[in-house]
PDB file of all heavy atoms in Angstrom:
ATOM      1  N   GLY A   1      -6.979 -12.366  -3.262  1.00  0.00           N
ATOM      2  CA  GLY A   1      -5.686 -13.003  -3.519  1.00  0.00           C
ATOM      3  C   GLY A   1      -4.787 -12.112  -4.361  1.00  0.00           C
ATOM      4  O   GLY A   1      -3.613 -11.960  -4.068  1.00  0.00           O
ATOM      5  N   TYR A   2      -5.386 -11.458  -5.391  1.00  0.00           N
ATOM      6  CA  TYR A   2      -4.599 -10.530  -6.202  1.00  0.00           C
ATOM      7  C   TYR A   2      -4.116  -9.348  -5.356  1.00  0.00           C
ATOM      8  O   TYR A   2      -2.938  -8.919  -5.500  1.00  0.00           O
ATOM      9  CB  TYR A   2      -5.466 -10.004  -7.356  1.00  0.00           C
ATOM     10  CG  TYR A   2      -5.736 -10.977  -8.470  1.00  0.00           C
ATOM     11  CD1 TYR A   2      -7.027 -11.139  -8.969  1.00  0.00           C
ATOM     12  CD2 TYR A   2      -4.713 -11.667  -9.060  1.00  0.00           C
ATOM     13  CE1 TYR A   2      -7.301 -12.053  -9.971  1.00  0.00           C
ATOM     14  CE2 TYR A   2      -4.974 -12.608 -10.081  1.00  0.00           C
ATOM     15  CZ  TYR A   2      -6.259 -12.746 -10.527  1.00  0.00           C
ATOM     16  OH  TYR A   2      -6.513 -13.626 -11.542  1.00  0.00           O
ATOM     17  N   VAL A   3      -4.993  -8.850  -4.488  1.00  0.00           N
ATOM     18  CA  VAL A   3      -4.631  -7.701  -3.663  1.00  0.00           C
ATOM     19  C   VAL A   3      -3.492  -8.084  -2.709  1.00  0.00           C
ATOM     20  O   VAL A   3      -2.518  -7.341  -2.552  1.00  0.00           O
ATOM     21  CB  VAL A   3      -5.859  -7.175  -2.883  1.00  0.00           C
ATOM     22  CG1 VAL A   3      -5.439  -6.136  -1.876  1.00  0.00           C
ATOM     23  CG2 VAL A   3      -6.880  -6.602  -3.850  1.00  0.00           C
ATOM     24  N   VAL A   4      -3.641  -9.234  -2.073  1.00  0.00           N
ATOM     25  CA  VAL A   4      -2.605  -9.663  -1.126  1.00  0.00           C
ATOM     26  C   VAL A   4      -1.281  -9.909  -1.817  1.00  0.00           C
ATOM     27  O   VAL A   4      -0.212  -9.494  -1.336  1.00  0.00           O
ATOM     28  CB  VAL A   4      -3.064 -10.959  -0.382  1.00  0.00           C
ATOM     29  CG1 VAL A   4      -1.935 -11.521   0.480  1.00  0.00           C
ATOM     30  CG2 VAL A   4      -4.252 -10.628   0.530  1.00  0.00           C
ATOM     31  N   ALA A   5      -1.328 -10.604  -2.973  1.00  0.00           N
ATOM     32  CA  ALA A   5      -0.096 -10.854  -3.717  1.00  0.00           C
ATOM     33  C   ALA A   5       0.561  -9.520  -4.167  1.00  0.00           C
ATOM     34  O   ALA A   5       1.788  -9.382  -4.118  1.00  0.00           O
ATOM     35  CB  ALA A   5      -0.361 -11.769  -4.911  1.00  0.00           C
ATOM     36  N   GLY A   6      -0.275  -8.587  -4.593  1.00  0.00           N
ATOM     37  CA  GLY A   6       0.229  -7.273  -4.986  1.00  0.00           C
ATOM     38  C   GLY A   6       0.868  -6.566  -3.832  1.00  0.00           C
ATOM     39  O   GLY A   6       1.937  -5.938  -3.955  1.00  0.00           O
ATOM     40  N   ALA A   7       0.225  -6.622  -2.638  1.00  0.00           N
ATOM     41  CA  ALA A   7       0.790  -5.988  -1.449  1.00  0.00           C
ATOM     42  C   ALA A   7       2.112  -6.614  -1.048  1.00  0.00           C
ATOM     43  O   ALA A   7       3.059  -5.931  -0.667  1.00  0.00           O
ATOM     44  CB  ALA A   7      -0.220  -6.054  -0.290  1.00  0.00           C
ATOM     45  N   ILE A   8       2.183  -7.955  -1.137  1.00  0.00           N
ATOM     46  CA  ILE A   8       3.448  -8.630  -0.838  1.00  0.00           C
ATOM     47  C   ILE A   8       4.546  -8.193  -1.774  1.00  0.00           C
ATOM     48  O   ILE A   8       5.661  -7.943  -1.384  1.00  0.00           O
ATOM     49  CB  ILE A   8       3.227 -10.162  -0.915  1.00  0.00           C
ATOM     50  CG1 ILE A   8       2.355 -10.640   0.237  1.00  0.00           C
ATOM     51  CG2 ILE A   8       4.552 -10.915  -0.891  1.00  0.00           C
ATOM     52  CD1 ILE A   8       1.919 -12.095   0.135  1.00  0.00           C
ATOM     53  N   THR A   9       4.194  -8.059  -3.033  1.00  0.00           N
ATOM     54  CA  THR A   9       5.199  -7.654  -4.062  1.00  0.00           C
ATOM     55  C   THR A   9       5.687  -6.223  -3.785  1.00  0.00           C
ATOM     56  O   THR A   9       6.900  -5.980  -3.816  1.00  0.00           O
ATOM     57  CB  THR A   9       4.585  -7.745  -5.473  1.00  0.00           C
ATOM     58  OG1 THR A   9       4.159  -9.080  -5.708  1.00  0.00           O
ATOM     59  CG2 THR A   9       5.571  -7.318  -6.532  1.00  0.00           C
ATOM     60  N   VAL A  10       4.779  -5.328  -3.476  1.00  0.00           N
ATOM     61  CA  VAL A  10       5.195  -3.946  -3.196  1.00  0.00           C
ATOM     62  C   VAL A  10       6.068  -3.917  -1.941  1.00  0.00           C
ATOM     63  O   VAL A  10       7.111  -3.193  -1.906  1.00  0.00           O
ATOM     64  CB  VAL A  10       3.912  -3.044  -2.966  1.00  0.00           C
ATOM     65  CG1 VAL A  10       4.339  -1.691  -2.443  1.00  0.00           C
ATOM     66  CG2 VAL A  10       3.165  -2.916  -4.266  1.00  0.00           C
ATOM     67  N   LYS A  11       5.734  -4.680  -0.924  1.00  0.00           N
ATOM     68  CA  LYS A  11       6.526  -4.723   0.296  1.00  0.00           C
ATOM     69  C   LYS A  11       7.917  -5.279  -0.001  1.00  0.00           C
ATOM     70  O   LYS A  11       8.944  -4.720   0.479  1.00  0.00           O
ATOM     71  CB  LYS A  11       5.836  -5.633   1.317  1.00  0.00           C
ATOM     72  CG  LYS A  11       6.636  -5.851   2.643  1.00  0.00           C
ATOM     73  CD  LYS A  11       6.698  -4.542   3.437  1.00  0.00           C
ATOM     74  CE  LYS A  11       7.108  -4.827   4.889  1.00  0.00           C
ATOM     75  NZ  LYS A  11       8.396  -5.527   5.059  1.00  0.00           N
ATOM     76  N   LEU A  12       8.003  -6.332  -0.805  1.00  0.00           N
ATOM     77  CA  LEU A  12       9.286  -6.902  -1.138  1.00  0.00           C
ATOM     78  C   LEU A  12      10.127  -5.984  -2.013  1.00  0.00           C
ATOM     79  O   LEU A  12      11.340  -5.937  -1.931  1.00  0.00           O
ATOM     80  CB  LEU A  12       9.105  -8.280  -1.769  1.00  0.00           C
ATOM     81  CG  LEU A  12       8.604  -9.354  -0.827  1.00  0.00           C
ATOM     82  CD1 LEU A  12       8.248 -10.619  -1.620  1.00  0.00           C
ATOM     83  CD2 LEU A  12       9.627  -9.691   0.233  1.00  0.00           C
ATOM     84  N   LEU A  13       9.453  -5.276  -2.911  1.00  0.00           N
ATOM     85  CA  LEU A  13      10.173  -4.310  -3.737  1.00  0.00           C
ATOM     86  C   LEU A  13      10.792  -3.207  -2.846  1.00  0.00           C
ATOM     87  O   LEU A  13      11.993  -2.831  -3.032  1.00  0.00           O
ATOM     88  CB  LEU A  13       9.234  -3.668  -4.737  1.00  0.00           C
ATOM     89  CG  LEU A  13       8.875  -4.491  -5.994  1.00  0.00           C
ATOM     90  CD1 LEU A  13       7.684  -3.880  -6.733  1.00  0.00           C
ATOM     91  CD2 LEU A  13      10.060  -4.628  -6.918  1.00  0.00           C
ATOM     92  N   TRP A  14      10.044  -2.739  -1.880  1.00  0.00           N
ATOM     93  CA  TRP A  14      10.563  -1.679  -0.994  1.00  0.00           C
ATOM     94  C   TRP A  14      11.664  -2.241  -0.103  1.00  0.00           C
ATOM     95  O   TRP A  14      12.702  -1.565   0.051  1.00  0.00           O
ATOM     96  CB  TRP A  14       9.425  -1.106  -0.161  1.00  0.00           C
ATOM     97  CG  TRP A  14       9.868  -0.025   0.794  1.00  0.00           C
ATOM     98  CD1 TRP A  14      10.029  -0.097   2.127  1.00  0.00           C
ATOM     99  CD2 TRP A  14      10.248   1.282   0.417  1.00  0.00           C
ATOM    100  NE1 TRP A  14      10.506   1.066   2.629  1.00  0.00           N
ATOM    101  CE2 TRP A  14      10.647   1.961   1.613  1.00  0.00           C
ATOM    102  CE3 TRP A  14      10.342   1.975  -0.798  1.00  0.00           C
ATOM    103  CZ2 TRP A  14      11.084   3.294   1.596  1.00  0.00           C
ATOM    104  CZ3 TRP A  14      10.802   3.300  -0.772  1.00  0.00           C
ATOM    105  CH2 TRP A  14      11.171   3.941   0.383  1.00  0.00           C
ATOM    106  N   ASP A  15      11.466  -3.414   0.437  1.00  0.00           N
ATOM    107  CA  ASP A  15      12.503  -4.003   1.293  1.00  0.00           C
ATOM    108  C   ASP A  15      13.793  -4.265   0.495  1.00  0.00           C
ATOM    109  O   ASP A  15      14.887  -4.049   0.994  1.00  0.00           O
ATOM    110  CB  ASP A  15      12.013  -5.350   1.871  1.00  0.00           C
ATOM    111  CG  ASP A  15      11.008  -5.158   3.007  1.00  0.00           C
ATOM    112  OD1 ASP A  15      10.856  -3.997   3.446  1.00  0.00           O
ATOM    113  OD2 ASP A  15      10.374  -6.147   3.438  1.00  0.00           O
ATOM    114  N   SER A  16      13.637  -4.662  -0.751  1.00  0.00           N
ATOM    115  CA  SER A  16      14.821  -4.900  -1.590  1.00  0.00           C
ATOM    116  C   SER A  16      15.528  -3.559  -1.878  1.00  0.00           C
ATOM    117  O   SER A  16      16.768  -3.491  -1.874  1.00  0.00           O
ATOM    118  CB  SER A  16      14.401  -5.579  -2.888  1.00  0.00           C
ATOM    119  OG  SER A  16      13.826  -6.833  -2.678  1.00  0.00           O
ATOM    120  N   PHE A  17      14.748  -2.527  -2.136  1.00  0.00           N
ATOM    121  CA  PHE A  17      15.304  -1.237  -2.430  1.00  0.00           C
ATOM    122  C   PHE A  17      16.068  -0.683  -1.198  1.00  0.00           C
ATOM    123  O   PHE A  17      17.128  -0.071  -1.371  1.00  0.00           O
ATOM    124  CB  PHE A  17      14.193  -0.252  -2.820  1.00  0.00           C
ATOM    125  CG  PHE A  17      14.662   1.161  -2.982  1.00  0.00           C
ATOM    126  CD1 PHE A  17      15.515   1.514  -3.964  1.00  0.00           C
ATOM    127  CD2 PHE A  17      14.151   2.139  -2.099  1.00  0.00           C
ATOM    128  CE1 PHE A  17      15.969   2.841  -4.063  1.00  0.00           C
ATOM    129  CE2 PHE A  17      14.531   3.467  -2.223  1.00  0.00           C
ATOM    130  CZ  PHE A  17      15.461   3.816  -3.218  1.00  0.00           C
ATOM    131  N   ARG A  18      15.575  -1.009  -0.011  1.00  0.00           N
ATOM    132  CA  ARG A  18      16.224  -0.527   1.228  1.00  0.00           C
ATOM    133  C   ARG A  18      17.306  -1.501   1.725  1.00  0.00           C
ATOM    134  O   ARG A  18      17.761  -1.394   2.852  1.00  0.00           O
ATOM    135  CB  ARG A  18      15.175  -0.317   2.336  1.00  0.00           C
ATOM    136  CG  ARG A  18      14.058   0.603   1.994  1.00  0.00           C
ATOM    137  CD  ARG A  18      14.550   1.980   1.544  1.00  0.00           C
ATOM    138  NE  ARG A  18      15.294   2.665   2.537  1.00  0.00           N
ATOM    139  CZ  ARG A  18      15.947   3.827   2.357  1.00  0.00           C
ATOM    140  NH1 ARG A  18      15.928   4.374   1.117  1.00  0.00           N
ATOM    141  NH2 ARG A  18      16.639   4.372   3.318  1.00  0.00           N
ATOM    142  N   TRP A  19      17.679  -2.465   0.900  1.00  0.00           N
ATOM    143  CA  TRP A  19      18.766  -3.416   1.163  1.00  0.00           C
ATOM    144  C   TRP A  19      18.398  -4.395   2.275  1.00  0.00           C
ATOM    145  O   TRP A  19      19.327  -5.007   2.887  1.00  0.00           O
ATOM    146  CB  TRP A  19      20.073  -2.695   1.517  1.00  0.00           C
ATOM    147  CG  TRP A  19      20.659  -1.894   0.387  1.00  0.00           C
ATOM    148  CD1 TRP A  19      20.317  -0.637   0.041  1.00  0.00           C
ATOM    149  CD2 TRP A  19      21.627  -2.338  -0.550  1.00  0.00           C
ATOM    150  NE1 TRP A  19      21.052  -0.229  -1.043  1.00  0.00           N
ATOM    151  CE2 TRP A  19      21.863  -1.240  -1.433  1.00  0.00           C
ATOM    152  CE3 TRP A  19      22.326  -3.504  -0.738  1.00  0.00           C
ATOM    153  CZ2 TRP A  19      22.746  -1.339  -2.480  1.00  0.00           C
ATOM    154  CZ3 TRP A  19      23.224  -3.591  -1.794  1.00  0.00           C
ATOM    155  CH2 TRP A  19      23.447  -2.510  -2.638  1.00  0.00           C
ATOM    156  N   ARG A  20      17.146  -4.598   2.552  1.00  0.00           N
ATOM    157  CA  ARG A  20      16.777  -5.548   3.575  1.00  0.00           C
ATOM    158  C   ARG A  20      16.650  -6.966   3.057  1.00  0.00           C
ATOM    159  O   ARG A  20      16.676  -7.950   3.758  1.00  0.00           O
ATOM    160  CB  ARG A  20      15.406  -5.159   4.196  1.00  0.00           C
ATOM    161  CG  ARG A  20      15.430  -3.808   4.880  1.00  0.00           C
ATOM    162  CD  ARG A  20      14.094  -3.493   5.503  1.00  0.00           C
ATOM    163  NE  ARG A  20      14.032  -2.080   5.943  1.00  0.00           N
ATOM    164  CZ  ARG A  20      13.092  -1.252   5.568  1.00  0.00           C
ATOM    165  NH1 ARG A  20      12.109  -1.659   4.791  1.00  0.00           N
ATOM    166  NH2 ARG A  20      13.128   0.013   5.996  1.00  0.00           N
ATOM    167  N   ARG A  21      16.457  -7.078   1.714  1.00  0.00           N
ATOM    168  CA  ARG A  21      16.329  -8.388   1.079  1.00  0.00           C
ATOM    169  C   ARG A  21      17.005  -8.368  -0.276  1.00  0.00           C
ATOM    170  O   ARG A  21      17.184  -7.296  -0.885  1.00  0.00           O
ATOM    171  CB  ARG A  21      14.867  -8.801   0.867  1.00  0.00           C
ATOM    172  CG  ARG A  21      14.074  -8.926   2.130  1.00  0.00           C
ATOM    173  CD  ARG A  21      12.650  -9.444   1.855  1.00  0.00           C
ATOM    174  NE  ARG A  21      11.851  -9.392   3.055  1.00  0.00           N
ATOM    175  CZ  ARG A  21      11.846 -10.284   4.006  1.00  0.00           C
ATOM    176  NH1 ARG A  21      12.644 -11.356   3.887  1.00  0.00           N
ATOM    177  NH2 ARG A  21      11.084 -10.181   5.109  1.00  0.00           N
ATOM    178  N   ARG A  22      17.343  -9.537  -0.776  1.00  0.00           N
ATOM    179  CA  ARG A  22      17.889  -9.653  -2.133  1.00  0.00           C
ATOM    180  C   ARG A  22      16.736  -9.512  -3.138  1.00  0.00           C
ATOM    181  O   ARG A  22      15.709 -10.175  -2.979  1.00  0.00           O
ATOM    182  CB  ARG A  22      18.566 -10.991  -2.365  1.00  0.00           C
ATOM    183  CG  ARG A  22      19.994 -11.024  -1.868  1.00  0.00           C
ATOM    184  CD  ARG A  22      20.650 -12.210  -2.526  1.00  0.00           C
ATOM    185  NE  ARG A  22      21.420 -12.939  -1.540  1.00  0.00           N
ATOM    186  CZ  ARG A  22      21.874 -14.133  -1.685  1.00  0.00           C
ATOM    187  NH1 ARG A  22      21.574 -14.813  -2.795  1.00  0.00           N
ATOM    188  NH2 ARG A  22      22.568 -14.698  -0.789  1.00  0.00           N
ATOM    189  N   PRO A  23      16.890  -8.679  -4.164  1.00  0.00           N
ATOM    190  CA  PRO A  23      15.821  -8.560  -5.158  1.00  0.00           C
ATOM    191  C   PRO A  23      15.429  -9.875  -5.837  1.00  0.00           C
ATOM    192  O   PRO A  23      14.256 -10.097  -6.083  1.00  0.00           O
ATOM    193  CB  PRO A  23      16.419  -7.572  -6.161  1.00  0.00           C
ATOM    194  CG  PRO A  23      17.381  -6.747  -5.386  1.00  0.00           C
ATOM    195  CD  PRO A  23      17.993  -7.696  -4.422  1.00  0.00           C
ATOM    196  N   MET A  24      16.378 -10.770  -6.089  1.00  0.00           N
ATOM    197  CA  MET A  24      16.023 -12.029  -6.708  1.00  0.00           C
ATOM    198  C   MET A  24      15.155 -12.893  -5.819  1.00  0.00           C
ATOM    199  O   MET A  24      14.264 -13.596  -6.268  1.00  0.00           O
ATOM    200  CB  MET A  24      17.293 -12.809  -7.092  1.00  0.00           C
ATOM    201  CG  MET A  24      17.844 -12.451  -8.471  1.00  0.00           C
ATOM    202  SD  MET A  24      16.800 -12.916  -9.832  1.00  0.00           S
ATOM    203  CE  MET A  24      16.992 -14.677  -9.873  1.00  0.00           C
ATOM    204  N   ILE A  25      15.447 -12.866  -4.519  1.00  0.00           N
ATOM    205  CA  ILE A  25      14.577 -13.610  -3.592  1.00  0.00           C
ATOM    206  C   ILE A  25      13.220 -12.960  -3.515  1.00  0.00           C
ATOM    207  O   ILE A  25      12.190 -13.636  -3.508  1.00  0.00           O
ATOM    208  CB  ILE A  25      15.258 -13.666  -2.217  1.00  0.00           C
ATOM    209  CG1 ILE A  25      16.496 -14.552  -2.257  1.00  0.00           C
ATOM    210  CG2 ILE A  25      14.269 -14.192  -1.133  1.00  0.00           C
ATOM    211  CD1 ILE A  25      17.250 -14.676  -0.959  1.00  0.00           C
TER     212      ILE A  25
END
């Protein structure tokens, strides 16, 4: 669970950095 949640966070950080998602979301 920690690994999956960490992977989701890294993916969302990268997507937010590339303007694919809002960082707050």
